[in-house]
Amino acid sequence: MAKKKDPRLERAGVSGYNKPKRTPKHPTKSHVVVAKEGDKIKLIRFGQQGVRGAGKNPQTKKDKARRKSYYARHNAQDKNPSKLSARYWSHKVKW
């Protein structure tokens, strides 16, 4: 007997747990992910629509400053955020 797919995955339109996806039609959030950590599952929408992160390796002085400001605003010194937080996914995908 085939295992039923979690309805949260279908509703979010993602292929599996911990697989972020762009949401271009969402009015405010740019990405969605159904996060799973242990036996906890949570739908998370994150990222501001239309804003690009500076990337993992910013080259320009402006992008370096944007990344530094972003991390300062979002408590980046906490090195072990939960997968169930929007901050974790925002850092991983956009910044």
PDB file of N, CA and C in Angstrom:
ATOM      1  N   MET A   1       0.838  -1.182   0.000  1.00  0.00           N
ATOM      2  CA  MET A   1       0.000   0.000   0.000  1.00  0.00           C
ATOM      3  C   MET A   1       0.888   1.253   0.000  1.00  0.00           C
ATOM      4  N   ALA A   2       0.606   2.180  -0.893  1.00  0.00           N
ATOM      5  CA  ALA A   2       1.403   3.403  -1.012  1.00  0.00           C
ATOM      6  C   ALA A   2       1.141   4.321   0.175  1.00  0.00           C
ATOM      7  N   LYS A   3       2.206   4.964   0.620  1.00  0.00           N
ATOM      8  CA  LYS A   3       2.099   5.896   1.736  1.00  0.00           C
ATOM      9  C   LYS A   3       1.458   7.193   1.251  1.00  0.00           C
ATOM     10  N   LYS A   4       0.468   7.714   2.012  1.00  0.00           N
ATOM     11  CA  LYS A   4      -0.199   8.966   1.623  1.00  0.00           C
ATOM     12  C   LYS A   4       0.734  10.141   1.849  1.00  0.00           C
ATOM     13  N   LYS A   5       0.716  11.072   0.908  1.00  0.00           N
ATOM     14  CA  LYS A   5       1.532  12.274   1.014  1.00  0.00           C
ATOM     15  C   LYS A   5       0.895  13.227   2.029  1.00  0.00           C
ATOM     16  N   ASP A   6       1.726  13.869   2.814  1.00  0.00           N
ATOM     17  CA  ASP A   6       1.263  14.828   3.818  1.00  0.00           C
ATOM     18  C   ASP A   6       0.517  15.967   3.121  1.00  0.00           C
ATOM     19  N   PRO A   7      -0.709  16.295   3.544  1.00  0.00           N
ATOM     20  CA  PRO A   7      -1.464  17.376   2.890  1.00  0.00           C
ATOM     21  C   PRO A   7      -0.787  18.732   2.980  1.00  0.00           C
ATOM     22  N   ARG A   8       0.062  18.925   3.998  1.00  0.00           N
ATOM     23  CA  ARG A   8       0.783  20.198   4.111  1.00  0.00           C
ATOM     24  C   ARG A   8       1.755  20.388   2.939  1.00  0.00           C
ATOM     25  N   LEU A   9       2.339  19.286   2.464  1.00  0.00           N
ATOM     26  CA  LEU A   9       3.261  19.372   1.327  1.00  0.00           C
ATOM     27  C   LEU A   9       2.512  19.782   0.070  1.00  0.00           C
ATOM     28  N   GLU A  10       1.342  19.168  -0.146  1.00  0.00           N
ATOM     29  CA  GLU A  10       0.550  19.493  -1.331  1.00  0.00           C
ATOM     30  C   GLU A  10       0.034  20.928  -1.279  1.00  0.00           C
ATOM     31  N   ARG A  11      -0.441  21.354  -0.116  1.00  0.00           N
ATOM     32  CA  ARG A  11      -0.983  22.711   0.033  1.00  0.00           C
ATOM     33  C   ARG A  11       0.099  23.761  -0.218  1.00  0.00           C
ATOM     34  N   ALA A  12       1.318  23.491   0.233  1.00  0.00           N
ATOM     35  CA  ALA A  12       2.422  24.432   0.029  1.00  0.00           C
ATOM     36  C   ALA A  12       2.998  24.314  -1.376  1.00  0.00           C
ATOM     37  N   GLY A  13       2.744  23.196  -2.046  1.00  0.00           N
ATOM     38  CA  GLY A  13       3.253  23.010  -3.403  1.00  0.00           C
ATOM     39  C   GLY A  13       4.722  22.631  -3.464  1.00  0.00           C
ATOM     40  N   VAL A  14       5.240  22.007  -2.400  1.00  0.00           N
ATOM     41  CA  VAL A  14       6.638  21.587  -2.391  1.00  0.00           C
ATOM     42  C   VAL A  14       6.730  20.076  -2.562  1.00  0.00           C
ATOM     43  N   SER A  15       7.914  19.604  -2.983  1.00  0.00           N
ATOM     44  CA  SER A  15       8.060  18.183  -3.296  1.00  0.00           C
ATOM     45  C   SER A  15       8.386  17.332  -2.075  1.00  0.00           C
ATOM     46  N   GLY A  16       8.860  17.941  -1.000  1.00  0.00           N
ATOM     47  CA  GLY A  16       9.187  17.169   0.193  1.00  0.00           C
ATOM     48  C   GLY A  16       9.517  18.084   1.353  1.00  0.00           C
ATOM     49  N   TYR A  17       9.814  17.465   2.489  1.00  0.00           N
ATOM     50  CA  TYR A  17      10.180  18.232   3.681  1.00  0.00           C
ATOM     51  C   TYR A  17      11.546  18.885   3.479  1.00  0.00           C
ATOM     52  N   ASN A  18      11.709  20.075   4.056  1.00  0.00           N
ATOM     53  CA  ASN A  18      12.973  20.818   4.038  1.00  0.00           C
ATOM     54  C   ASN A  18      13.458  21.124   2.623  1.00  0.00           C
ATOM     55  N   LYS A  19      12.519  21.343   1.698  1.00  0.00           N
ATOM     56  CA  LYS A  19      12.856  21.715   0.327  1.00  0.00           C
ATOM     57  C   LYS A  19      12.181  23.047   0.007  1.00  0.00           C
ATOM     58  N   PRO A  20      12.894  24.165   0.183  1.00  0.00           N
ATOM     59  CA  PRO A  20      12.298  25.484  -0.042  1.00  0.00           C
ATOM     60  C   PRO A  20      11.941  25.712  -1.500  1.00  0.00           C
ATOM     61  N   LYS A  21      10.903  26.530  -1.705  1.00  0.00           N
ATOM     62  CA  LYS A  21      10.425  26.819  -3.052  1.00  0.00           C
ATOM     63  C   LYS A  21      10.044  28.296  -3.143  1.00  0.00           C
ATOM     64  N   ARG A  22      10.313  28.918  -4.297  1.00  0.00           N
ATOM     65  CA  ARG A  22       9.909  30.303  -4.521  1.00  0.00           C
ATOM     66  C   ARG A  22       8.391  30.388  -4.602  1.00  0.00           C
ATOM     67  N   THR A  23       7.839  31.497  -4.134  1.00  0.00           N
ATOM     68  CA  THR A  23       6.402  31.738  -4.230  1.00  0.00           C
ATOM     69  C   THR A  23       6.179  33.100  -4.879  1.00  0.00           C
ATOM     70  N   PRO A  24       6.324  33.183  -6.208  1.00  0.00           N
ATOM     71  CA  PRO A  24       6.241  34.490  -6.874  1.00  0.00           C
ATOM     72  C   PRO A  24       4.864  35.140  -6.801  1.00  0.00           C
ATOM     73  N   LYS A  25       3.805  34.352  -6.596  1.00  0.00           N
ATOM     74  CA  LYS A  25       2.460  34.920  -6.561  1.00  0.00           C
ATOM     75  C   LYS A  25       1.994  35.301  -5.154  1.00  0.00           C
ATOM     76  N   HIS A  26       2.782  34.967  -4.124  1.00  0.00           N
ATOM     77  CA  HIS A  26       2.404  35.327  -2.757  1.00  0.00           C
ATOM     78  C   HIS A  26       2.579  36.837  -2.585  1.00  0.00           C
ATOM     79  N   PRO A  27       1.628  37.520  -1.929  1.00  0.00           N
ATOM     80  CA  PRO A  27       1.688  38.983  -1.843  1.00  0.00           C
ATOM     81  C   PRO A  27       2.887  39.532  -1.063  1.00  0.00           C
ATOM     82  N   THR A  28       3.367  38.818  -0.039  1.00  0.00           N
ATOM     83  CA  THR A  28       4.441  39.389   0.774  1.00  0.00           C
ATOM     84  C   THR A  28       5.674  38.504   0.913  1.00  0.00           C
ATOM     85  N   LYS A  29       5.541  37.197   0.915  1.00  0.00           N
ATOM     86  CA  LYS A  29       6.677  36.319   1.178  1.00  0.00           C
ATOM     87  C   LYS A  29       7.207  35.684  -0.101  1.00  0.00           C
ATOM     88  N   SER A  30       8.538  35.564  -0.191  1.00  0.00           N
ATOM     89  CA  SER A  30       9.154  35.100  -1.433  1.00  0.00           C
ATOM     90  C   SER A  30       9.370  33.592  -1.492  1.00  0.00           C
ATOM     91  N   HIS A  31       9.400  32.910  -0.342  1.00  0.00           N
ATOM     92  CA  HIS A  31       9.661  31.473  -0.325  1.00  0.00           C
ATOM     93  C   HIS A  31       8.745  30.773   0.680  1.00  0.00           C
ATOM     94  N   VAL A  32       8.603  29.462   0.473  1.00  0.00           N
ATOM     95  CA  VAL A  32       7.857  28.627   1.408  1.00  0.00           C
ATOM     96  C   VAL A  32       8.614  27.311   1.569  1.00  0.00           C
ATOM     97  N   VAL A  33       8.523  26.731   2.761  1.00  0.00           N
ATOM     98  CA  VAL A  33       9.133  25.429   3.021  1.00  0.00           C
ATOM     99  C   VAL A  33       8.289  24.729   4.083  1.00  0.00           C
ATOM    100  N   VAL A  34       8.150  23.412   3.957  1.00  0.00           N
ATOM    101  CA  VAL A  34       7.541  22.615   5.015  1.00  0.00           C
ATOM    102  C   VAL A  34       8.711  22.001   5.771  1.00  0.00           C
ATOM    103  N   ALA A  35       9.026  22.584   6.919  1.00  0.00           N
ATOM    104  CA  ALA A  35      10.203  22.183   7.688  1.00  0.00           C
ATOM    105  C   ALA A  35       9.858  21.006   8.598  1.00  0.00           C
ATOM    106  N   LYS A  36      10.799  20.098   8.691  1.00  0.00           N
ATOM    107  CA  LYS A  36      10.630  18.942   9.571  1.00  0.00           C
ATOM    108  C   LYS A  36      11.905  18.769  10.375  1.00  0.00           C
ATOM    109  N   GLU A  37      11.744  18.752  11.699  1.00  0.00           N
ATOM    110  CA  GLU A  37      12.868  18.529  12.600  1.00  0.00           C
ATOM    111  C   GLU A  37      12.408  17.502  13.622  1.00  0.00           C
ATOM    112  N   GLY A  38      12.969  16.316  13.548  1.00  0.00           N
ATOM    113  CA  GLY A  38      12.506  15.228  14.401  1.00  0.00           C
ATOM    114  C   GLY A  38      11.093  14.860  13.996  1.00  0.00           C
ATOM    115  N   ASP A  39      10.145  14.904  14.935  1.00  0.00           N
ATOM    116  CA  ASP A  39       8.751  14.597  14.602  1.00  0.00           C
ATOM    117  C   ASP A  39       7.894  15.857  14.499  1.00  0.00           C
ATOM    118  N   LYS A  40       8.539  17.040  14.582  1.00  0.00           N
ATOM    119  CA  LYS A  40       7.805  18.298  14.445  1.00  0.00           C
ATOM    120  C   LYS A  40       7.809  18.746  12.989  1.00  0.00           C
ATOM    121  N   ILE A  41       6.645  19.193  12.512  1.00  0.00           N
ATOM    122  CA  ILE A  41       6.494  19.663  11.139  1.00  0.00           C
ATOM    123  C   ILE A  41       5.825  21.024  11.182  1.00  0.00           C
ATOM    124  N   LYS A  42       6.327  21.966  10.359  1.00  0.00           N
ATOM    125  CA  LYS A  42       5.788  23.321  10.376  1.00  0.00           C
ATOM    126  C   LYS A  42       5.909  23.949   8.989  1.00  0.00           C
ATOM    127  N   LEU A  43       4.855  24.631   8.563  1.00  0.00           N
ATOM    128  CA  LEU A  43       4.878  25.385   7.314  1.00  0.00           C
ATOM    129  C   LEU A  43       5.467  26.754   7.609  1.00  0.00           C
ATOM    130  N   ILE A  44       6.502  27.141   6.854  1.00  0.00           N
ATOM    131  CA  ILE A  44       7.174  28.413   7.084  1.00  0.00           C
ATOM    132  C   ILE A  44       7.224  29.203   5.787  1.00  0.00           C
ATOM    133  N   ARG A  45       6.770  30.441   5.850  1.00  0.00           N
ATOM    134  CA  ARG A  45       6.929  31.376   4.732  1.00  0.00           C
ATOM    135  C   ARG A  45       7.982  32.385   5.172  1.00  0.00           C
ATOM    136  N   PHE A  46       8.916  32.699   4.274  1.00  0.00           N
ATOM    137  CA  PHE A  46      10.003  33.595   4.659  1.00  0.00           C
ATOM    138  C   PHE A  46      10.472  34.415   3.476  1.00  0.00           C
ATOM    139  N   GLY A  47      11.185  35.486   3.768  1.00  0.00           N
ATOM    140  CA  GLY A  47      11.780  36.343   2.752  1.00  0.00           C
ATOM    141  C   GLY A  47      10.807  37.386   2.243  1.00  0.00           C
ATOM    142  N   GLN A  48      11.312  38.594   2.045  1.00  0.00           N
ATOM    143  CA  GLN A  48      10.480  39.669   1.521  1.00  0.00           C
ATOM    144  C   GLN A  48      10.404  39.555   0.009  1.00  0.00           C
ATOM    145  N   GLN A  49       9.200  39.667  -0.518  1.00  0.00           N
ATOM    146  CA  GLN A  49       8.976  39.582  -1.958  1.00  0.00           C
ATOM    147  C   GLN A  49       9.750  40.677  -2.684  1.00  0.00           C
ATOM    148  N   GLY A  50      10.485  40.322  -3.711  1.00  0.00           N
ATOM    149  CA  GLY A  50      11.184  41.300  -4.524  1.00  0.00           C
ATOM    150  C   GLY A  50      12.565  41.697  -4.031  1.00  0.00           C
ATOM    151  N   VAL A  51      12.989  41.209  -2.878  1.00  0.00           N
ATOM    152  CA  VAL A  51      14.301  41.564  -2.346  1.00  0.00           C
ATOM    153  C   VAL A  51      15.272  40.411  -2.600  1.00  0.00           C
ATOM    154  N   ARG A  52      16.435  40.745  -3.137  1.00  0.00           N
ATOM    155  CA  ARG A  52      17.465  39.729  -3.355  1.00  0.00           C
ATOM    156  C   ARG A  52      18.481  39.831  -2.239  1.00  0.00           C
ATOM    157  N   GLY A  53      18.930  38.700  -1.754  1.00  0.00           N
ATOM    158  CA  GLY A  53      19.988  38.703  -0.753  1.00  0.00           C
ATOM    159  C   GLY A  53      21.312  39.058  -1.405  1.00  0.00           C
ATOM    160  N   ALA A  54      22.315  39.352  -0.611  1.00  0.00           N
ATOM    161  CA  ALA A  54      23.633  39.700  -1.138  1.00  0.00           C
ATOM    162  C   ALA A  54      24.392  38.454  -1.575  1.00  0.00           C
ATOM    163  N   GLY A  55      23.886  37.268  -1.236  1.00  0.00           N
ATOM    164  CA  GLY A  55      24.535  36.027  -1.640  1.00  0.00           C
ATOM    165  C   GLY A  55      25.541  35.534  -0.615  1.00  0.00           C
ATOM    166  N   LYS A  56      26.083  34.364  -0.861  1.00  0.00           N
ATOM    167  CA  LYS A  56      27.022  33.744   0.079  1.00  0.00           C
ATOM    168  C   LYS A  56      28.390  34.424   0.055  1.00  0.00           C
ATOM    169  N   ASN A  57      28.756  35.017  -1.086  1.00  0.00           N
ATOM    170  CA  ASN A  57      30.066  35.627  -1.217  1.00  0.00           C
ATOM    171  C   ASN A  57      29.933  37.001  -1.870  1.00  0.00           C
ATOM    172  N   PRO A  58      29.450  38.001  -1.116  1.00  0.00           N
ATOM    173  CA  PRO A  58      29.246  39.322  -1.718  1.00  0.00           C
ATOM    174  C   PRO A  58      30.575  39.946  -2.152  1.00  0.00           C
ATOM    175  N   GLN A  59      30.578  40.584  -3.328  1.00  0.00           N
ATOM    176  CA  GLN A  59      31.801  41.151  -3.884  1.00  0.00           C
ATOM    177  C   GLN A  59      31.903  42.654  -3.646  1.00  0.00           C
ATOM    178  N   THR A  60      30.793  43.370  -3.837  1.00  0.00           N
ATOM    179  CA  THR A  60      30.856  44.822  -3.739  1.00  0.00           C
ATOM    180  C   THR A  60      30.764  45.276  -2.286  1.00  0.00           C
ATOM    181  N   LYS A  61      31.249  46.470  -2.051  1.00  0.00           N
ATOM    182  CA  LYS A  61      31.197  47.050  -0.708  1.00  0.00           C
ATOM    183  C   LYS A  61      29.741  47.196  -0.250  1.00  0.00           C
ATOM    184  N   LYS A  62      28.871  47.588  -1.187  1.00  0.00           N
ATOM    185  CA  LYS A  62      27.451  47.770  -0.876  1.00  0.00           C
ATOM    186  C   LYS A  62      26.813  46.439  -0.454  1.00  0.00           C
ATOM    187  N   ASP A  63      27.096  45.361  -1.198  1.00  0.00           N
ATOM    188  CA  ASP A  63      26.528  44.053  -0.849  1.00  0.00           C
ATOM    189  C   ASP A  63      27.071  43.535   0.476  1.00  0.00           C
ATOM    190  N   LYS A  64      28.341  43.798   0.740  1.00  0.00           N
ATOM    191  CA  LYS A  64      28.922  43.379   2.023  1.00  0.00           C
ATOM    192  C   LYS A  64      28.241  44.105   3.176  1.00  0.00           C
ATOM    193  N   ALA A  65      27.968  45.392   2.985  1.00  0.00           N
ATOM    194  CA  ALA A  65      27.291  46.184   4.021  1.00  0.00           C
ATOM    195  C   ALA A  65      25.857  45.697   4.208  1.00  0.00           C
ATOM    196  N   ARG A  66      25.159  45.369   3.101  1.00  0.00           N
ATOM    197  CA  ARG A  66      23.784  44.859   3.197  1.00  0.00           C
ATOM    198  C   ARG A  66      23.752  43.556   3.975  1.00  0.00           C
ATOM    199  N   ARG A  67      24.694  42.672   3.685  1.00  0.00           N
ATOM    200  CA  ARG A  67      24.736  41.379   4.364  1.00  0.00           C
ATOM    201  C   ARG A  67      25.036  41.565   5.857  1.00  0.00           C
ATOM    202  N   LYS A  68      25.977  42.446   6.169  1.00  0.00           N
ATOM    203  CA  LYS A  68      26.335  42.712   7.561  1.00  0.00           C
ATOM    204  C   LYS A  68      25.127  43.269   8.324  1.00  0.00           C
ATOM    205  N   SER A  69      24.395  44.194   7.712  1.00  0.00           N
ATOM    206  CA  SER A  69      23.215  44.781   8.352  1.00  0.00           C
ATOM    207  C   SER A  69      22.123  43.742   8.540  1.00  0.00           C
ATOM    208  N   TYR A  70      21.928  42.901   7.527  1.00  0.00           N
ATOM    209  CA  TYR A  70      20.915  41.844   7.616  1.00  0.00           C
ATOM    210  C   TYR A  70      21.220  40.919   8.793  1.00  0.00           C
ATOM    211  N   TYR A  71      22.474  40.463   8.886  1.00  0.00           N
ATOM    212  CA  TYR A  71      22.840  39.548   9.962  1.00  0.00           C
ATOM    213  C   TYR A  71      22.726  40.218  11.328  1.00  0.00           C
ATOM    214  N   ALA A  72      23.026  41.504  11.411  1.00  0.00           N
ATOM    215  CA  ALA A  72      22.894  42.232  12.678  1.00  0.00           C
ATOM    216  C   ALA A  72      21.426  42.306  13.099  1.00  0.00           C
ATOM    217  N   ARG A  73      20.537  42.531  12.133  1.00  0.00           N
ATOM    218  CA  ARG A  73      19.105  42.626  12.446  1.00  0.00           C
ATOM    219  C   ARG A  73      18.509  41.282  12.847  1.00  0.00           C
ATOM    220  N   HIS A  74      19.070  40.195  12.349  1.00  0.00           N
ATOM    221  CA  HIS A  74      18.441  38.889  12.534  1.00  0.00           C
ATOM    222  C   HIS A  74      19.189  37.968  13.479  1.00  0.00           C
ATOM    223  N   ASN A  75      19.932  38.527  14.421  1.00  0.00           N
ATOM    224  CA  ASN A  75      20.543  37.747  15.494  1.00  0.00           C
ATOM    225  C   ASN A  75      21.396  36.600  14.948  1.00  0.00           C
ATOM    226  N   ALA A  76      22.275  36.907  14.005  1.00  0.00           N
ATOM    227  CA  ALA A  76      23.056  35.871  13.341  1.00  0.00           C
ATOM    228  C   ALA A  76      24.142  35.264  14.226  1.00  0.00           C
ATOM    229  N   GLN A  77      24.421  35.860  15.378  1.00  0.00           N
ATOM    230  CA  GLN A  77      25.464  35.292  16.223  1.00  0.00           C
ATOM    231  C   GLN A  77      25.032  33.960  16.842  1.00  0.00           C
ATOM    232  N   ASP A  78      23.736  33.683  16.859  1.00  0.00           N
ATOM    233  CA  ASP A  78      23.250  32.379  17.318  1.00  0.00           C
ATOM    234  C   ASP A  78      23.590  31.368  16.225  1.00  0.00           C
ATOM    235  N   LYS A  79      24.586  30.535  16.452  1.00  0.00           N
ATOM    236  CA  LYS A  79      25.107  29.657  15.404  1.00  0.00           C
ATOM    237  C   LYS A  79      24.267  28.405  15.168  1.00  0.00           C
ATOM    238  N   ASN A  80      23.293  28.132  16.022  1.00  0.00           N
ATOM    239  CA  ASN A  80      22.539  26.893  15.876  1.00  0.00           C
ATOM    240  C   ASN A  80      21.033  27.143  15.892  1.00  0.00           C
ATOM    241  N   PRO A  81      20.492  27.849  14.870  1.00  0.00           N
ATOM    242  CA  PRO A  81      19.048  28.088  14.869  1.00  0.00           C
ATOM    243  C   PRO A  81      18.280  26.821  14.497  1.00  0.00           C
ATOM    244  N   SER A  82      17.040  26.771  14.903  1.00  0.00           N
ATOM    245  CA  SER A  82      16.189  25.622  14.612  1.00  0.00           C
ATOM    246  C   SER A  82      15.751  25.626  13.153  1.00  0.00           C
ATOM    247  N   LYS A  83      15.608  24.444  12.571  1.00  0.00           N
ATOM    248  CA  LYS A  83      15.087  24.337  11.203  1.00  0.00           C
ATOM    249  C   LYS A  83      13.635  24.784  11.132  1.00  0.00           C
ATOM    250  N   LEU A  84      13.010  24.951  12.284  1.00  0.00           N
ATOM    251  CA  LEU A  84      11.610  25.370  12.324  1.00  0.00           C
ATOM    252  C   LEU A  84      11.484  26.886  12.391  1.00  0.00           C
ATOM    253  N   SER A  85      12.564  27.619  12.118  1.00  0.00           N
ATOM    254  CA  SER A  85      12.502  29.074  12.156  1.00  0.00           C
ATOM    255  C   SER A  85      12.694  29.650  10.761  1.00  0.00           C
ATOM    256  N   ALA A  86      12.032  30.768  10.503  1.00  0.00           N
ATOM    257  CA  ALA A  86      12.181  31.452   9.221  1.00  0.00           C
ATOM    258  C   ALA A  86      13.601  31.984   9.066  1.00  0.00           C
ATOM    259  N   ARG A  87      14.229  32.359  10.164  1.00  0.00           N
ATOM    260  CA  ARG A  87      15.595  32.877  10.109  1.00  0.00           C
ATOM    261  C   ARG A  87      16.557  31.837   9.537  1.00  0.00           C
ATOM    262  N   TYR A  88      16.436  30.598   9.967  1.00  0.00           N
ATOM    263  CA  TYR A  88      17.286  29.522   9.461  1.00  0.00           C
ATOM    264  C   TYR A  88      17.179  29.418   7.941  1.00  0.00           C
ATOM    265  N   TRP A  89      15.951  29.411   7.430  1.00  0.00           N
ATOM    266  CA  TRP A  89      15.739  29.229   5.991  1.00  0.00           C
ATOM    267  C   TRP A  89      16.144  30.464   5.211  1.00  0.00           C
ATOM    268  N   SER A  90      15.911  31.640   5.762  1.00  0.00           N
ATOM    269  CA  SER A  90      16.302  32.867   5.098  1.00  0.00           C
ATOM    270  C   SER A  90      17.816  32.939   4.932  1.00  0.00           C
ATOM    271  N   HIS A  91      18.549  32.572   5.987  1.00  0.00           N
ATOM    272  CA  HIS A  91      20.007  32.559   5.913  1.00  0.00           C
ATOM    273  C   HIS A  91      20.475  31.539   4.881  1.00  0.00           C
ATOM    274  N   LYS A  92      19.866  30.382   4.881  1.00  0.00           N
ATOM    275  CA  LYS A  92      20.301  29.288   3.996  1.00  0.00           C
ATOM    276  C   LYS A  92      20.006  29.597   2.530  1.00  0.00           C
ATOM    277  N   VAL A  93      18.821  30.152   2.239  1.00  0.00           N
ATOM    278  CA  VAL A  93      18.396  30.315   0.857  1.00  0.00           C
ATOM    279  C   VAL A  93      18.759  31.675   0.266  1.00  0.00           C
ATOM    280  N   LYS A  94      18.511  32.746   0.990  1.00  0.00           N
ATOM    281  CA  LYS A  94      18.658  34.077   0.423  1.00  0.00           C
ATOM    282  C   LYS A  94      19.982  34.760   0.739  1.00  0.00           C
ATOM    283  N   TRP A  95      20.600  34.468   1.864  1.00  0.00           N
ATOM    284  CA  TRP A  95      21.793  35.190   2.281  1.00  0.00           C
ATOM    285  C   TRP A  95      22.953  34.237   2.410  1.00  0.00           C
TER     286      TRP A  95
END
